[in-house]
Amino acid sequence: MNKGLKIALAASVALNIFAVVGGGTAWVLSRKAQEQAAEGRRPGRSEPVWAVVEALPPAVRDQVKGELRASALEARPDFEDARAARREAIAMTASDGFDAVAVAALLERSRASEMRGRARLEAGAVETLGRLSAADRKALAPILSRHKSKARDKGAASETQHPAHKAGDAAGDQAAR
């Protein structure tokens, strides 16, 4: 066999292998995308707070956004205190001066601050909902639902996170921008 034919054959084989691997990769990625899309539509999972708000008529949407953002800003110090106390507890645990009583107190402070923040967010949301029409309240009702984490959806035990907490973090982050 001449050298040119051998090179052409090797190039053809390499190209075919490349095409098969590329096609297989594309197929796997498309399957993953389909699974993620299906997971997002699964019952029991609600839309993010801002997606629900965006679906409202413009005048109502602007009012609701402003009020939820204000509630999030009011709750922000509580969430910041919760994070600071938790970071302090972690640092104390990792240090040579570990004090179990102090760490427990910091974790309690963190939980209490987070609950205060959640309570402020929920109270603000309920106050805002109270000023809306029945149709708008119905459209916004999902913002009060509890979200499941992916780990729980797959059968593993995990904590649930209240959407008001997420709204607070998202609203607080957006308000800070």
N, C-alpha and C. Protein backbone atom coordinates (compact mmCIF):
# COMPACT_ATOMS: atom_id res chain seq x y z
N MET A 1 0.84 -1.17 0.00
CA MET A 1 0.00 0.00 0.00
C MET A 1 0.89 1.24 0.00
N ASN A 2 0.53 2.21 -0.80
CA ASN A 2 1.41 3.37 -0.84
C ASN A 2 1.17 4.31 0.34
N LYS A 3 2.14 5.14 0.59
CA LYS A 3 2.15 5.99 1.79
C LYS A 3 0.97 6.97 1.79
N GLY A 4 0.61 7.53 0.67
CA GLY A 4 -0.51 8.48 0.57
C GLY A 4 -1.83 7.85 0.96
N LEU A 5 -2.04 6.59 0.54
CA LEU A 5 -3.28 5.89 0.89
C LEU A 5 -3.34 5.62 2.38
N LYS A 6 -2.22 5.26 2.96
CA LYS A 6 -2.18 5.00 4.41
C LYS A 6 -2.52 6.27 5.19
N ILE A 7 -2.00 7.38 4.78
CA ILE A 7 -2.29 8.65 5.45
C ILE A 7 -3.77 9.01 5.31
N ALA A 8 -4.31 8.83 4.09
CA ALA A 8 -5.72 9.13 3.86
C ALA A 8 -6.61 8.22 4.70
N LEU A 9 -6.26 6.94 4.79
CA LEU A 9 -7.02 5.99 5.60
C LEU A 9 -6.98 6.39 7.08
N ALA A 10 -5.80 6.74 7.58
CA ALA A 10 -5.65 7.14 8.98
C ALA A 10 -6.45 8.41 9.25
N ALA A 11 -6.41 9.37 8.32
CA ALA A 11 -7.16 10.61 8.48
C ALA A 11 -8.66 10.33 8.49
N SER A 12 -9.11 9.43 7.64
CA SER A 12 -10.52 9.08 7.57
C SER A 12 -10.99 8.42 8.86
N VAL A 13 -10.18 7.50 9.37
CA VAL A 13 -10.52 6.83 10.63
C VAL A 13 -10.58 7.85 11.77
N ALA A 14 -9.59 8.75 11.83
CA ALA A 14 -9.56 9.77 12.88
C ALA A 14 -10.78 10.68 12.79
N LEU A 15 -11.15 11.07 11.57
CA LEU A 15 -12.31 11.93 11.37
C LEU A 15 -13.59 11.22 11.79
N ASN A 16 -13.72 9.94 11.45
CA ASN A 16 -14.91 9.18 11.84
C ASN A 16 -15.00 9.03 13.36
N ILE A 17 -13.86 8.78 14.01
CA ILE A 17 -13.86 8.67 15.48
C ILE A 17 -14.26 10.00 16.10
N PHE A 18 -13.71 11.09 15.57
CA PHE A 18 -14.05 12.42 16.05
C PHE A 18 -15.55 12.69 15.90
N ALA A 19 -16.12 12.33 14.75
CA ALA A 19 -17.55 12.55 14.50
C ALA A 19 -18.41 11.74 15.47
N VAL A 20 -18.04 10.49 15.71
CA VAL A 20 -18.81 9.63 16.62
C VAL A 20 -18.76 10.19 18.05
N VAL A 21 -17.57 10.57 18.51
CA VAL A 21 -17.42 11.13 19.86
C VAL A 21 -18.19 12.45 19.98
N GLY A 22 -18.09 13.30 18.98
CA GLY A 22 -18.82 14.56 18.98
C GLY A 22 -20.33 14.34 19.01
N GLY A 23 -20.81 13.42 18.20
CA GLY A 23 -22.24 13.11 18.20
C GLY A 23 -22.70 12.55 19.53
N GLY A 24 -21.90 11.67 20.11
CA GLY A 24 -22.25 11.10 21.42
C GLY A 24 -22.29 12.17 22.49
N THR A 25 -21.33 13.06 22.48
CA THR A 25 -21.30 14.16 23.45
C THR A 25 -22.53 15.05 23.29
N ALA A 26 -22.86 15.39 22.06
CA ALA A 26 -24.04 16.23 21.81
C ALA A 26 -25.30 15.54 22.30
N TRP A 27 -25.41 14.26 22.09
CA TRP A 27 -26.59 13.52 22.54
C TRP A 27 -26.68 13.53 24.07
N VAL A 28 -25.55 13.27 24.76
CA VAL A 28 -25.55 13.26 26.22
C VAL A 28 -25.93 14.63 26.77
N LEU A 29 -25.35 15.69 26.19
CA LEU A 29 -25.66 17.04 26.66
C LEU A 29 -27.12 17.40 26.43
N SER A 30 -27.68 16.98 25.30
CA SER A 30 -29.10 17.29 25.05
C SER A 30 -30.00 16.54 26.03
N ARG A 31 -29.62 15.32 26.39
CA ARG A 31 -30.40 14.55 27.38
C ARG A 31 -30.35 15.25 28.74
N LYS A 32 -29.17 15.73 29.13
CA LYS A 32 -29.05 16.44 30.40
C LYS A 32 -29.89 17.70 30.40
N ALA A 33 -29.89 18.43 29.30
CA ALA A 33 -30.68 19.65 29.20
C ALA A 33 -32.18 19.33 29.31
N GLN A 34 -32.61 18.24 28.68
CA GLN A 34 -34.01 17.83 28.77
C GLN A 34 -34.38 17.47 30.19
N GLU A 35 -33.49 16.76 30.89
CA GLU A 35 -33.75 16.38 32.27
C GLU A 35 -33.84 17.60 33.18
N GLN A 36 -32.96 18.58 32.98
CA GLN A 36 -33.00 19.79 33.79
C GLN A 36 -34.27 20.58 33.52
N ALA A 37 -34.69 20.64 32.27
CA ALA A 37 -35.93 21.34 31.93
C ALA A 37 -37.12 20.64 32.56
N ALA A 38 -37.14 19.32 32.51
CA ALA A 38 -38.25 18.56 33.11
C ALA A 38 -38.26 18.75 34.63
N GLU A 39 -37.08 18.79 35.24
CA GLU A 39 -37.01 18.99 36.70
C GLU A 39 -37.56 20.35 37.08
N GLY A 40 -37.33 21.36 36.25
CA GLY A 40 -37.84 22.70 36.52
C GLY A 40 -39.35 22.77 36.42
N ARG A 41 -39.96 21.87 35.65
CA ARG A 41 -41.43 21.85 35.50
C ARG A 41 -42.11 20.89 36.45
N ARG A 42 -41.35 20.15 37.24
CA ARG A 42 -41.92 19.14 38.11
C ARG A 42 -42.87 19.78 39.14
N PRO A 43 -44.03 19.16 39.38
CA PRO A 43 -44.96 19.68 40.38
C PRO A 43 -44.28 19.78 41.75
N GLY A 44 -44.71 20.78 42.52
CA GLY A 44 -44.14 20.95 43.86
C GLY A 44 -42.99 21.94 43.86
N ARG A 45 -42.53 22.29 42.70
CA ARG A 45 -41.48 23.32 42.62
C ARG A 45 -42.15 24.57 42.09
N SER A 46 -41.99 25.66 42.75
CA SER A 46 -42.60 26.88 42.26
C SER A 46 -41.55 27.79 41.65
N GLU A 47 -42.03 28.77 40.93
CA GLU A 47 -41.14 29.69 40.25
C GLU A 47 -40.41 30.58 41.26
N PRO A 48 -39.28 31.13 40.89
CA PRO A 48 -38.62 32.10 41.76
C PRO A 48 -39.53 33.30 42.00
N VAL A 49 -39.36 33.94 43.13
CA VAL A 49 -40.23 35.05 43.52
C VAL A 49 -40.30 36.12 42.43
N TRP A 50 -39.15 36.53 41.92
CA TRP A 50 -39.18 37.62 40.95
C TRP A 50 -39.83 37.21 39.65
N ALA A 51 -39.78 35.94 39.27
CA ALA A 51 -40.45 35.48 38.05
C ALA A 51 -41.96 35.59 38.21
N VAL A 52 -42.47 35.29 39.41
CA VAL A 52 -43.90 35.42 39.68
C VAL A 52 -44.30 36.88 39.63
N VAL A 53 -43.49 37.74 40.23
CA VAL A 53 -43.79 39.18 40.26
C VAL A 53 -43.76 39.76 38.84
N GLU A 54 -42.81 39.33 38.03
CA GLU A 54 -42.68 39.85 36.66
C GLU A 54 -43.91 39.55 35.81
N ALA A 55 -44.69 38.54 36.17
CA ALA A 55 -45.86 38.17 35.38
C ALA A 55 -47.05 39.09 35.64
N LEU A 56 -46.94 39.97 36.63
CA LEU A 56 -48.04 40.89 36.97
C LEU A 56 -48.12 42.05 35.99
N PRO A 57 -49.27 42.72 35.96
CA PRO A 57 -49.37 43.94 35.14
C PRO A 57 -48.34 44.97 35.63
N PRO A 58 -47.82 45.81 34.73
CA PRO A 58 -46.72 46.72 35.08
C PRO A 58 -46.95 47.57 36.34
N ALA A 59 -48.11 48.17 36.50
CA ALA A 59 -48.34 49.05 37.65
C ALA A 59 -48.27 48.26 38.96
N VAL A 60 -48.92 47.10 38.98
CA VAL A 60 -48.92 46.26 40.17
C VAL A 60 -47.51 45.70 40.40
N ARG A 61 -46.85 45.27 39.32
CA ARG A 61 -45.52 44.70 39.42
C ARG A 61 -44.56 45.70 40.08
N ASP A 62 -44.60 46.96 39.65
CA ASP A 62 -43.69 47.96 40.20
C ASP A 62 -43.96 48.20 41.68
N GLN A 63 -45.24 48.24 42.05
CA GLN A 63 -45.61 48.43 43.46
C GLN A 63 -45.12 47.26 44.30
N VAL A 64 -45.40 46.05 43.85
CA VAL A 64 -45.02 44.85 44.59
C VAL A 64 -43.50 44.75 44.70
N LYS A 65 -42.80 44.99 43.60
CA LYS A 65 -41.33 44.93 43.62
C LYS A 65 -40.77 45.91 44.64
N GLY A 66 -41.29 47.13 44.63
CA GLY A 66 -40.81 48.14 45.57
C GLY A 66 -41.05 47.75 47.02
N GLU A 67 -42.23 47.22 47.29
CA GLU A 67 -42.57 46.84 48.67
C GLU A 67 -41.77 45.62 49.13
N LEU A 68 -41.62 44.63 48.26
CA LEU A 68 -40.83 43.45 48.64
C LEU A 68 -39.35 43.82 48.82
N ARG A 69 -38.87 44.72 47.98
CA ARG A 69 -37.48 45.17 48.09
C ARG A 69 -37.28 45.91 49.42
N ALA A 70 -38.26 46.75 49.79
CA ALA A 70 -38.17 47.48 51.06
C ALA A 70 -38.17 46.51 52.24
N SER A 71 -39.01 45.49 52.19
CA SER A 71 -39.03 44.47 53.26
C SER A 71 -37.70 43.74 53.33
N ALA A 72 -37.13 43.45 52.17
CA ALA A 72 -35.84 42.76 52.15
C ALA A 72 -34.74 43.63 52.74
N LEU A 73 -34.80 44.91 52.44
CA LEU A 73 -33.79 45.82 53.01
C LEU A 73 -33.93 45.93 54.53
N GLU A 74 -35.17 45.90 55.01
CA GLU A 74 -35.39 45.92 56.46
C GLU A 74 -34.85 44.65 57.12
N ALA A 75 -34.99 43.53 56.43
CA ALA A 75 -34.55 42.24 56.98
C ALA A 75 -33.06 41.99 56.78
N ARG A 76 -32.44 42.73 55.91
CA ARG A 76 -31.04 42.49 55.58
C ARG A 76 -30.11 42.46 56.79
N PRO A 77 -30.22 43.42 57.74
CA PRO A 77 -29.32 43.37 58.91
C PRO A 77 -29.45 42.06 59.70
N ASP A 78 -30.65 41.50 59.75
CA ASP A 78 -30.83 40.23 60.46
C ASP A 78 -30.06 39.11 59.76
N PHE A 79 -30.16 39.05 58.44
CA PHE A 79 -29.45 38.02 57.69
C PHE A 79 -27.94 38.22 57.74
N GLU A 80 -27.52 39.48 57.70
CA GLU A 80 -26.08 39.75 57.83
C GLU A 80 -25.57 39.33 59.20
N ASP A 81 -26.35 39.60 60.26
CA ASP A 81 -25.96 39.19 61.60
C ASP A 81 -25.91 37.66 61.70
N ALA A 82 -26.87 37.01 61.07
CA ALA A 82 -26.89 35.53 61.08
C ALA A 82 -25.63 34.98 60.43
N ARG A 83 -25.27 35.53 59.28
CA ARG A 83 -24.06 35.06 58.59
C ARG A 83 -22.80 35.37 59.39
N ALA A 84 -22.75 36.55 59.99
CA ALA A 84 -21.57 36.94 60.79
C ALA A 84 -21.40 36.02 62.00
N ALA A 85 -22.50 35.73 62.69
CA ALA A 85 -22.44 34.85 63.86
C ALA A 85 -21.99 33.45 63.45
N ARG A 86 -22.48 32.97 62.33
CA ARG A 86 -22.09 31.64 61.85
C ARG A 86 -20.61 31.61 61.48
N ARG A 87 -20.14 32.66 60.79
CA ARG A 87 -18.71 32.73 60.45
C ARG A 87 -17.85 32.75 61.72
N GLU A 88 -18.31 33.51 62.72
CA GLU A 88 -17.58 33.58 63.99
C GLU A 88 -17.54 32.21 64.67
N ALA A 89 -18.67 31.50 64.64
CA ALA A 89 -18.73 30.17 65.23
C ALA A 89 -17.77 29.21 64.52
N ILE A 90 -17.73 29.30 63.21
CA ILE A 90 -16.83 28.44 62.43
C ILE A 90 -15.38 28.77 62.76
N ALA A 91 -15.06 30.06 62.81
CA ALA A 91 -13.69 30.46 63.13
C ALA A 91 -13.28 30.00 64.52
N MET A 92 -14.20 30.13 65.49
CA MET A 92 -13.89 29.71 66.86
C MET A 92 -13.71 28.20 66.93
N THR A 93 -14.50 27.47 66.17
CA THR A 93 -14.39 26.01 66.15
C THR A 93 -13.05 25.58 65.58
N ALA A 94 -12.57 26.29 64.58
CA ALA A 94 -11.31 25.94 63.93
C ALA A 94 -10.08 26.42 64.71
N SER A 95 -10.29 27.28 65.72
CA SER A 95 -9.15 27.84 66.45
C SER A 95 -8.75 26.95 67.63
N ASP A 96 -7.58 27.28 68.18
CA ASP A 96 -7.12 26.56 69.37
C ASP A 96 -7.94 26.93 70.60
N GLY A 97 -8.60 28.08 70.56
CA GLY A 97 -9.39 28.52 71.70
C GLY A 97 -10.85 28.11 71.60
N PHE A 98 -11.10 26.89 71.17
CA PHE A 98 -12.47 26.39 71.02
C PHE A 98 -13.20 26.42 72.36
N ASP A 99 -14.41 26.98 72.33
CA ASP A 99 -15.26 27.04 73.51
C ASP A 99 -16.65 26.59 73.08
N ALA A 100 -17.03 25.37 73.47
CA ALA A 100 -18.29 24.79 73.02
C ALA A 100 -19.49 25.65 73.39
N VAL A 101 -19.48 26.23 74.58
CA VAL A 101 -20.60 27.07 75.03
C VAL A 101 -20.70 28.32 74.15
N ALA A 102 -19.57 28.95 73.87
CA ALA A 102 -19.58 30.15 73.03
C ALA A 102 -20.01 29.82 71.60
N VAL A 103 -19.55 28.70 71.08
CA VAL A 103 -19.94 28.30 69.72
C VAL A 103 -21.44 28.04 69.67
N ALA A 104 -21.97 27.35 70.66
CA ALA A 104 -23.41 27.08 70.70
C ALA A 104 -24.20 28.40 70.78
N ALA A 105 -23.70 29.36 71.56
CA ALA A 105 -24.38 30.65 71.68
C ALA A 105 -24.36 31.40 70.35
N LEU A 106 -23.24 31.35 69.64
CA LEU A 106 -23.15 32.00 68.33
C LEU A 106 -24.10 31.35 67.32
N LEU A 107 -24.19 30.05 67.35
CA LEU A 107 -25.12 29.36 66.44
C LEU A 107 -26.56 29.69 66.78
N GLU A 108 -26.87 29.80 68.06
CA GLU A 108 -28.23 30.20 68.48
C GLU A 108 -28.52 31.62 68.00
N ARG A 109 -27.54 32.51 68.15
CA ARG A 109 -27.72 33.89 67.68
C ARG A 109 -27.96 33.90 66.18
N SER A 110 -27.21 33.07 65.44
CA SER A 110 -27.37 32.98 64.00
C SER A 110 -28.79 32.54 63.63
N ARG A 111 -29.26 31.49 64.29
CA ARG A 111 -30.62 30.98 64.00
C ARG A 111 -31.67 32.02 64.35
N ALA A 112 -31.52 32.67 65.49
CA ALA A 112 -32.50 33.68 65.91
C ALA A 112 -32.53 34.86 64.93
N SER A 113 -31.36 35.29 64.49
CA SER A 113 -31.30 36.40 63.53
C SER A 113 -31.94 36.01 62.21
N GLU A 114 -31.68 34.78 61.76
CA GLU A 114 -32.28 34.33 60.51
C GLU A 114 -33.80 34.26 60.63
N MET A 115 -34.29 33.76 61.74
CA MET A 115 -35.74 33.68 61.93
C MET A 115 -36.37 35.07 62.00
N ARG A 116 -35.69 36.04 62.64
CA ARG A 116 -36.19 37.42 62.65
C ARG A 116 -36.27 37.96 61.23
N GLY A 117 -35.22 37.70 60.45
CA GLY A 117 -35.22 38.16 59.06
C GLY A 117 -36.34 37.53 58.26
N ARG A 118 -36.52 36.24 58.42
CA ARG A 118 -37.61 35.55 57.71
C ARG A 118 -38.97 36.11 58.12
N ALA A 119 -39.13 36.36 59.41
CA ALA A 119 -40.40 36.90 59.91
C ALA A 119 -40.67 38.28 59.29
N ARG A 120 -39.62 39.11 59.18
CA ARG A 120 -39.80 40.43 58.56
C ARG A 120 -40.19 40.29 57.10
N LEU A 121 -39.53 39.39 56.39
CA LEU A 121 -39.85 39.19 54.98
C LEU A 121 -41.29 38.71 54.80
N GLU A 122 -41.68 37.74 55.60
CA GLU A 122 -43.03 37.20 55.49
C GLU A 122 -44.07 38.25 55.86
N ALA A 123 -43.82 39.00 56.93
CA ALA A 123 -44.76 40.05 57.34
C ALA A 123 -44.90 41.09 56.24
N GLY A 124 -43.78 41.48 55.63
CA GLY A 124 -43.83 42.44 54.53
C GLY A 124 -44.60 41.90 53.34
N ALA A 125 -44.38 40.63 53.03
CA ALA A 125 -45.09 40.02 51.90
C ALA A 125 -46.59 39.96 52.17
N VAL A 126 -46.96 39.58 53.38
CA VAL A 126 -48.39 39.50 53.72
C VAL A 126 -49.03 40.89 53.68
N GLU A 127 -48.31 41.88 54.17
CA GLU A 127 -48.82 43.26 54.14
C GLU A 127 -49.02 43.71 52.69
N THR A 128 -48.07 43.41 51.83
CA THR A 128 -48.18 43.75 50.42
C THR A 128 -49.35 43.01 49.78
N LEU A 129 -49.47 41.71 50.05
CA LEU A 129 -50.57 40.92 49.49
C LEU A 129 -51.92 41.46 49.94
N GLY A 130 -51.99 41.96 51.17
CA GLY A 130 -53.25 42.50 51.70
C GLY A 130 -53.75 43.72 50.95
N ARG A 131 -52.88 44.42 50.26
CA ARG A 131 -53.26 45.62 49.52
C ARG A 131 -53.63 45.34 48.06
N LEU A 132 -53.55 44.10 47.65
CA LEU A 132 -53.78 43.75 46.25
C LEU A 132 -55.19 43.21 46.02
N SER A 133 -55.58 43.18 44.75
CA SER A 133 -56.86 42.59 44.39
C SER A 133 -56.78 41.07 44.59
N ALA A 134 -57.94 40.45 44.61
CA ALA A 134 -57.98 38.99 44.80
C ALA A 134 -57.22 38.27 43.67
N ALA A 135 -57.36 38.75 42.45
CA ALA A 135 -56.68 38.11 41.31
C ALA A 135 -55.16 38.25 41.43
N ASP A 136 -54.70 39.44 41.83
CA ASP A 136 -53.26 39.63 41.99
C ASP A 136 -52.71 38.83 43.16
N ARG A 137 -53.50 38.74 44.25
CA ARG A 137 -53.08 37.91 45.40
C ARG A 137 -52.95 36.46 44.97
N LYS A 138 -53.91 36.00 44.19
CA LYS A 138 -53.89 34.62 43.73
C LYS A 138 -52.65 34.37 42.87
N ALA A 139 -52.31 35.32 42.01
CA ALA A 139 -51.14 35.17 41.15
C ALA A 139 -49.84 35.16 41.96
N LEU A 140 -49.82 35.91 43.08
CA LEU A 140 -48.61 36.00 43.90
C LEU A 140 -48.56 34.97 45.03
N ALA A 141 -49.61 34.21 45.23
CA ALA A 141 -49.63 33.22 46.32
C ALA A 141 -48.41 32.31 46.34
N PRO A 142 -47.87 31.89 45.20
CA PRO A 142 -46.70 31.00 45.23
C PRO A 142 -45.47 31.57 45.95
N ILE A 143 -45.40 32.89 46.14
CA ILE A 143 -44.21 33.43 46.82
C ILE A 143 -44.18 33.03 48.29
N LEU A 144 -45.29 32.54 48.82
CA LEU A 144 -45.34 32.11 50.21
C LEU A 144 -45.10 30.61 50.37
N SER A 145 -44.96 29.90 49.26
CA SER A 145 -44.76 28.45 49.34
C SER A 145 -43.35 28.13 49.78
N ARG A 146 -43.15 26.92 50.24
CA ARG A 146 -41.81 26.47 50.64
C ARG A 146 -41.22 25.70 49.47
N HIS A 147 -39.93 25.92 49.23
CA HIS A 147 -39.23 25.26 48.14
C HIS A 147 -38.53 24.02 48.65
N LYS A 148 -38.45 23.01 47.80
CA LYS A 148 -37.70 21.80 48.12
C LYS A 148 -36.32 21.93 47.50
N SER A 149 -35.34 21.41 48.19
CA SER A 149 -34.00 21.41 47.61
C SER A 149 -33.88 20.21 46.67
N LYS A 150 -32.87 20.23 45.79
CA LYS A 150 -32.67 19.12 44.85
C LYS A 150 -32.35 17.84 45.59
N ALA A 151 -31.62 17.95 46.70
CA ALA A 151 -31.26 16.75 47.45
C ALA A 151 -32.50 16.05 47.99
N ARG A 152 -33.44 16.81 48.50
CA ARG A 152 -34.66 16.20 49.02
C ARG A 152 -35.47 15.61 47.88
N ASP A 153 -35.51 16.32 46.73
CA ASP A 153 -36.26 15.81 45.59
C ASP A 153 -35.73 14.45 45.17
N LYS A 154 -34.44 14.21 45.39
CA LYS A 154 -33.83 12.94 45.01
C LYS A 154 -33.92 11.92 46.13
N GLY A 155 -34.60 12.28 47.23
CA GLY A 155 -34.81 11.31 48.30
C GLY A 155 -33.88 11.47 49.48
N ALA A 156 -32.88 12.34 49.40
CA ALA A 156 -31.98 12.56 50.53
C ALA A 156 -32.61 13.58 51.46
N ALA A 157 -32.32 13.46 52.75
CA ALA A 157 -32.85 14.41 53.72
C ALA A 157 -32.06 15.71 53.62
N SER A 158 -32.79 16.84 53.57
CA SER A 158 -32.15 18.14 53.58
C SER A 158 -33.15 19.17 54.09
N GLU A 159 -32.65 20.36 54.35
CA GLU A 159 -33.51 21.41 54.86
C GLU A 159 -34.27 22.03 53.71
N THR A 160 -35.46 22.58 54.01
CA THR A 160 -36.17 23.35 53.02
C THR A 160 -35.85 24.80 53.27
N GLN A 161 -35.97 25.60 52.25
CA GLN A 161 -35.70 27.01 52.40
C GLN A 161 -36.94 27.77 51.98
N HIS A 162 -37.35 28.70 52.79
CA HIS A 162 -38.54 29.47 52.52
C HIS A 162 -38.28 30.46 51.41
N PRO A 163 -39.21 30.64 50.47
CA PRO A 163 -38.99 31.56 49.36
C PRO A 163 -38.81 32.99 49.83
N ALA A 164 -39.42 33.34 50.97
CA ALA A 164 -39.23 34.69 51.47
C ALA A 164 -37.76 34.93 51.78
N HIS A 165 -37.07 33.89 52.27
CA HIS A 165 -35.64 34.01 52.52
C HIS A 165 -34.91 34.23 51.21
N LYS A 166 -35.28 33.46 50.22
CA LYS A 166 -34.66 33.64 48.92
C LYS A 166 -35.00 35.02 48.38
N ALA A 167 -36.24 35.44 48.55
CA ALA A 167 -36.63 36.77 48.08
C ALA A 167 -35.82 37.81 48.80
N GLY A 168 -35.59 37.61 50.06
CA GLY A 168 -34.81 38.57 50.83
C GLY A 168 -33.41 38.65 50.31
N ASP A 169 -32.80 37.51 50.08
CA ASP A 169 -31.45 37.52 49.56
C ASP A 169 -31.42 38.13 48.17
N ALA A 170 -32.36 37.73 47.30
CA ALA A 170 -32.39 38.24 45.94
C ALA A 170 -32.75 39.72 45.94
N ALA A 171 -33.79 40.09 46.71
CA ALA A 171 -34.20 41.49 46.74
C ALA A 171 -33.13 42.34 47.37
N GLY A 172 -32.54 41.84 48.42
CA GLY A 172 -31.48 42.60 49.07
C GLY A 172 -30.29 42.77 48.16
N ASP A 173 -29.95 41.70 47.42
CA ASP A 173 -28.85 41.78 46.48
C ASP A 173 -29.17 42.76 45.35
N GLN A 174 -30.39 42.69 44.84
CA GLN A 174 -30.77 43.59 43.76
C GLN A 174 -30.84 45.02 44.24
N ALA A 175 -31.37 45.24 45.46
CA ALA A 175 -31.47 46.58 46.00
C ALA A 175 -30.10 47.17 46.24
N ALA A 176 -29.15 46.33 46.56
CA ALA A 176 -27.80 46.81 46.84
C ALA A 176 -27.06 47.20 45.56
N ARG A 177 -27.54 46.72 44.42
CA ARG A 177 -26.85 47.00 43.13
C ARG A 177 -27.07 48.42 42.69
